[in-house]
């Protein structure tokens, strides 16, 4: 049985909010990558990745974040990650994401962080 995965993108106040749900692994990472690429291609580089409903992320999923961070920064944007459950947050911390990405409690905190920058 495949692991459930859902992705949803909304735009609010110039911020693209990509909500991930379920498992991001080698099978679902391309959908995640496509969603981020669509936002970047549209010139939307202020991204919030909401991981509140994300229960697992593999190296393939982590790679999606890494493949966009430089381009987004070059275009004057940022990627903020919010809503990490402890198990997933631990994965992000092991690979040192806290040095590259702002990891916030929830969407509200991520929006406030963009407003302050």
C-alpha atoms as a PDB file:
ATOM      1  CA  UNK A   1       0.000   0.000   0.000  1.00  0.00           C
ATOM      2  CA  UNK A   2       1.503   3.356  -0.995  1.00  0.00           C
ATOM      3  CA  UNK A   3       1.949   5.988   1.668  1.00  0.00           C
ATOM      4  CA  UNK A   4      -0.645   8.757   1.526  1.00  0.00           C
ATOM      5  CA  UNK A   5       0.599  12.065   0.197  1.00  0.00           C
ATOM      6  CA  UNK A   6      -1.154  15.334  -0.519  1.00  0.00           C
ATOM      7  CA  UNK A   7       0.126  18.766  -1.489  1.00  0.00           C
ATOM      8  CA  UNK A   8      -1.753  22.032  -1.656  1.00  0.00           C
ATOM      9  CA  UNK A   9      -0.583  25.497  -2.682  1.00  0.00           C
ATOM     10  CA  UNK A  10      -2.274  28.748  -1.734  1.00  0.00           C
ATOM     11  CA  UNK A  11      -1.163  32.352  -2.183  1.00  0.00           C
ATOM     12  CA  UNK A  12      -1.827  34.876   0.586  1.00  0.00           C
ATOM     13  CA  UNK A  13      -0.495  38.429   0.735  1.00  0.00           C
ATOM     14  CA  UNK A  14       2.283  37.681  -1.741  1.00  0.00           C
ATOM     15  CA  UNK A  15       3.356  34.533   0.107  1.00  0.00           C
ATOM     16  CA  UNK A  16       3.104  31.083  -1.432  1.00  0.00           C
ATOM     17  CA  UNK A  17       2.081  28.513   1.152  1.00  0.00           C
ATOM     18  CA  UNK A  18       2.789  24.929   0.180  1.00  0.00           C
ATOM     19  CA  UNK A  19       1.173  22.468   2.563  1.00  0.00           C
ATOM     20  CA  UNK A  20       2.574  18.946   2.663  1.00  0.00           C
ATOM     21  CA  UNK A  21       0.687  16.000   4.097  1.00  0.00           C
ATOM     22  CA  UNK A  22       1.767  12.405   4.666  1.00  0.00           C
ATOM     23  CA  UNK A  23       5.042  11.033   3.320  1.00  0.00           C
ATOM     24  CA  UNK A  24       7.559  12.810   1.086  1.00  0.00           C
ATOM     25  CA  UNK A  25       9.826  10.118  -0.302  1.00  0.00           C
ATOM     26  CA  UNK A  26      11.401   9.131  -3.624  1.00  0.00           C
ATOM     27  CA  UNK A  27       7.933   8.534  -5.097  1.00  0.00           C
ATOM     28  CA  UNK A  28       6.289  11.780  -3.971  1.00  0.00           C
ATOM     29  CA  UNK A  29       9.258  14.195  -3.967  1.00  0.00           C
ATOM     30  CA  UNK A  30       8.795  14.942  -7.711  1.00  0.00           C
ATOM     31  CA  UNK A  31       5.290  16.287  -6.974  1.00  0.00           C
ATOM     32  CA  UNK A  32       6.728  18.482  -4.225  1.00  0.00           C
ATOM     33  CA  UNK A  33       9.500  19.669  -6.540  1.00  0.00           C
ATOM     34  CA  UNK A  34       6.978  20.454  -9.277  1.00  0.00           C
ATOM     35  CA  UNK A  35       4.863  22.511  -6.854  1.00  0.00           C
ATOM     36  CA  UNK A  36       7.871  24.572  -5.730  1.00  0.00           C
ATOM     37  CA  UNK A  37       9.085  24.969  -9.327  1.00  0.00           C
ATOM     38  CA  UNK A  38       5.660  26.290 -10.374  1.00  0.00           C
ATOM     39  CA  UNK A  39       5.804  28.986  -7.699  1.00  0.00           C
ATOM     40  CA  UNK A  40       9.392  29.986  -8.560  1.00  0.00           C
ATOM     41  CA  UNK A  41       8.577  30.035 -12.294  1.00  0.00           C
ATOM     42  CA  UNK A  42       5.654  32.352 -11.532  1.00  0.00           C
ATOM     43  CA  UNK A  43       8.048  34.702  -9.723  1.00  0.00           C
ATOM     44  CA  UNK A  44       6.734  33.807  -6.290  1.00  0.00           C
ATOM     45  CA  UNK A  45       9.861  33.329  -4.170  1.00  0.00           C
ATOM     46  CA  UNK A  46       8.500  34.061  -0.698  1.00  0.00           C
ATOM     47  CA  UNK A  47       7.633  30.487   0.222  1.00  0.00           C
ATOM     48  CA  UNK A  48       6.241  28.922   3.365  1.00  0.00           C
ATOM     49  CA  UNK A  49       6.380  25.144   3.460  1.00  0.00           C
ATOM     50  CA  UNK A  50       3.803  24.015   6.017  1.00  0.00           C
ATOM     51  CA  UNK A  51       4.784  20.600   7.371  1.00  0.00           C
ATOM     52  CA  UNK A  52       2.172  20.337  10.117  1.00  0.00           C
ATOM     53  CA  UNK A  53       0.640  17.228   8.505  1.00  0.00           C
ATOM     54  CA  UNK A  54       3.939  15.822   7.213  1.00  0.00           C
ATOM     55  CA  UNK A  55       4.731  12.557   8.969  1.00  0.00           C
ATOM     56  CA  UNK A  56       7.893  11.521   7.099  1.00  0.00           C
ATOM     57  CA  UNK A  57      10.480  13.010   4.761  1.00  0.00           C
ATOM     58  CA  UNK A  58      13.271  11.112   3.014  1.00  0.00           C
ATOM     59  CA  UNK A  59      16.539  12.398   1.601  1.00  0.00           C
ATOM     60  CA  UNK A  60      14.723  12.872  -1.722  1.00  0.00           C
ATOM     61  CA  UNK A  61      12.308  15.259  -0.028  1.00  0.00           C
ATOM     62  CA  UNK A  62      15.112  17.097   1.744  1.00  0.00           C
ATOM     63  CA  UNK A  63      16.825  17.426  -1.616  1.00  0.00           C
ATOM     64  CA  UNK A  64      13.876  19.397  -2.972  1.00  0.00           C
ATOM     65  CA  UNK A  65      14.470  22.080  -0.325  1.00  0.00           C
ATOM     66  CA  UNK A  66      18.181  22.152  -1.145  1.00  0.00           C
ATOM     67  CA  UNK A  67      17.616  22.373  -4.891  1.00  0.00           C
ATOM     68  CA  UNK A  68      15.667  25.647  -4.577  1.00  0.00           C
ATOM     69  CA  UNK A  69      17.154  27.579  -1.656  1.00  0.00           C
ATOM     70  CA  UNK A  70      19.979  29.197  -3.632  1.00  0.00           C
ATOM     71  CA  UNK A  71      17.777  30.262  -6.552  1.00  0.00           C
ATOM     72  CA  UNK A  72      15.111  31.630  -4.212  1.00  0.00           C
ATOM     73  CA  UNK A  73      17.718  33.647  -2.277  1.00  0.00           C
ATOM     74  CA  UNK A  74      19.243  34.964  -5.523  1.00  0.00           C
ATOM     75  CA  UNK A  75      15.805  36.224  -6.512  1.00  0.00           C
ATOM     76  CA  UNK A  76      15.410  38.020  -3.181  1.00  0.00           C
ATOM     77  CA  UNK A  77      13.056  35.492  -1.623  1.00  0.00           C
ATOM     78  CA  UNK A  78      13.232  32.901   1.116  1.00  0.00           C
ATOM     79  CA  UNK A  79      11.871  29.503   2.089  1.00  0.00           C
ATOM     80  CA  UNK A  80      10.526  29.235   5.619  1.00  0.00           C
ATOM     81  CA  UNK A  81       9.520  25.877   7.073  1.00  0.00           C
ATOM     82  CA  UNK A  82       6.784  25.649   9.677  1.00  0.00           C
ATOM     83  CA  UNK A  83       4.766  23.173  11.695  1.00  0.00           C
ATOM     84  CA  UNK A  84       7.351  20.413  11.931  1.00  0.00           C
ATOM     85  CA  UNK A  85       6.344  17.460  14.100  1.00  0.00           C
ATOM     86  CA  UNK A  86       9.206  16.354  16.405  1.00  0.00           C
ATOM     87  CA  UNK A  87      10.206  13.288  14.365  1.00  0.00           C
ATOM     88  CA  UNK A  88      10.409  15.250  11.108  1.00  0.00           C
ATOM     89  CA  UNK A  89      12.072  18.228  12.809  1.00  0.00           C
ATOM     90  CA  UNK A  90      14.746  15.857  14.098  1.00  0.00           C
ATOM     91  CA  UNK A  91      15.455  14.737  10.512  1.00  0.00           C
ATOM     92  CA  UNK A  92      15.843  18.374   9.421  1.00  0.00           C
ATOM     93  CA  UNK A  93      18.175  19.090  12.354  1.00  0.00           C
ATOM     94  CA  UNK A  94      20.383  16.048  11.694  1.00  0.00           C
ATOM     95  CA  UNK A  95      21.193  17.383   8.216  1.00  0.00           C
ATOM     96  CA  UNK A  96      21.741  20.942   9.493  1.00  0.00           C
ATOM     97  CA  UNK A  97      18.715  22.644   7.951  1.00  0.00           C
ATOM     98  CA  UNK A  98      18.392  25.046  10.884  1.00  0.00           C
ATOM     99  CA  UNK A  99      21.480  26.821   9.523  1.00  0.00           C
ATOM    100  CA  UNK A 100      19.902  27.331   6.075  1.00  0.00           C
ATOM    101  CA  UNK A 101      16.187  27.625   6.720  1.00  0.00           C
ATOM    102  CA  UNK A 102      14.141  29.438   9.301  1.00  0.00           C
ATOM    103  CA  UNK A 103      12.027  26.801  11.035  1.00  0.00           C
ATOM    104  CA  UNK A 104       8.973  28.246  12.743  1.00  0.00           C
ATOM    105  CA  UNK A 105       6.207  26.958  14.956  1.00  0.00           C
ATOM    106  CA  UNK A 106       3.295  27.563  12.566  1.00  0.00           C
ATOM    107  CA  UNK A 107       2.049  29.497   9.524  1.00  0.00           C
ATOM    108  CA  UNK A 108       1.271  32.575  11.605  1.00  0.00           C
ATOM    109  CA  UNK A 109       4.872  32.762  12.867  1.00  0.00           C
ATOM    110  CA  UNK A 110       6.187  32.226   9.324  1.00  0.00           C
ATOM    111  CA  UNK A 111       3.988  35.026   7.959  1.00  0.00           C
ATOM    112  CA  UNK A 112       5.134  37.333  10.778  1.00  0.00           C
ATOM    113  CA  UNK A 113       8.749  36.468   9.994  1.00  0.00           C
ATOM    114  CA  UNK A 114       8.262  37.480   6.347  1.00  0.00           C
ATOM    115  CA  UNK A 115       6.492  40.671   7.427  1.00  0.00           C
ATOM    116  CA  UNK A 116       9.433  41.562   9.661  1.00  0.00           C
ATOM    117  CA  UNK A 117      12.066  41.008   6.952  1.00  0.00           C
END
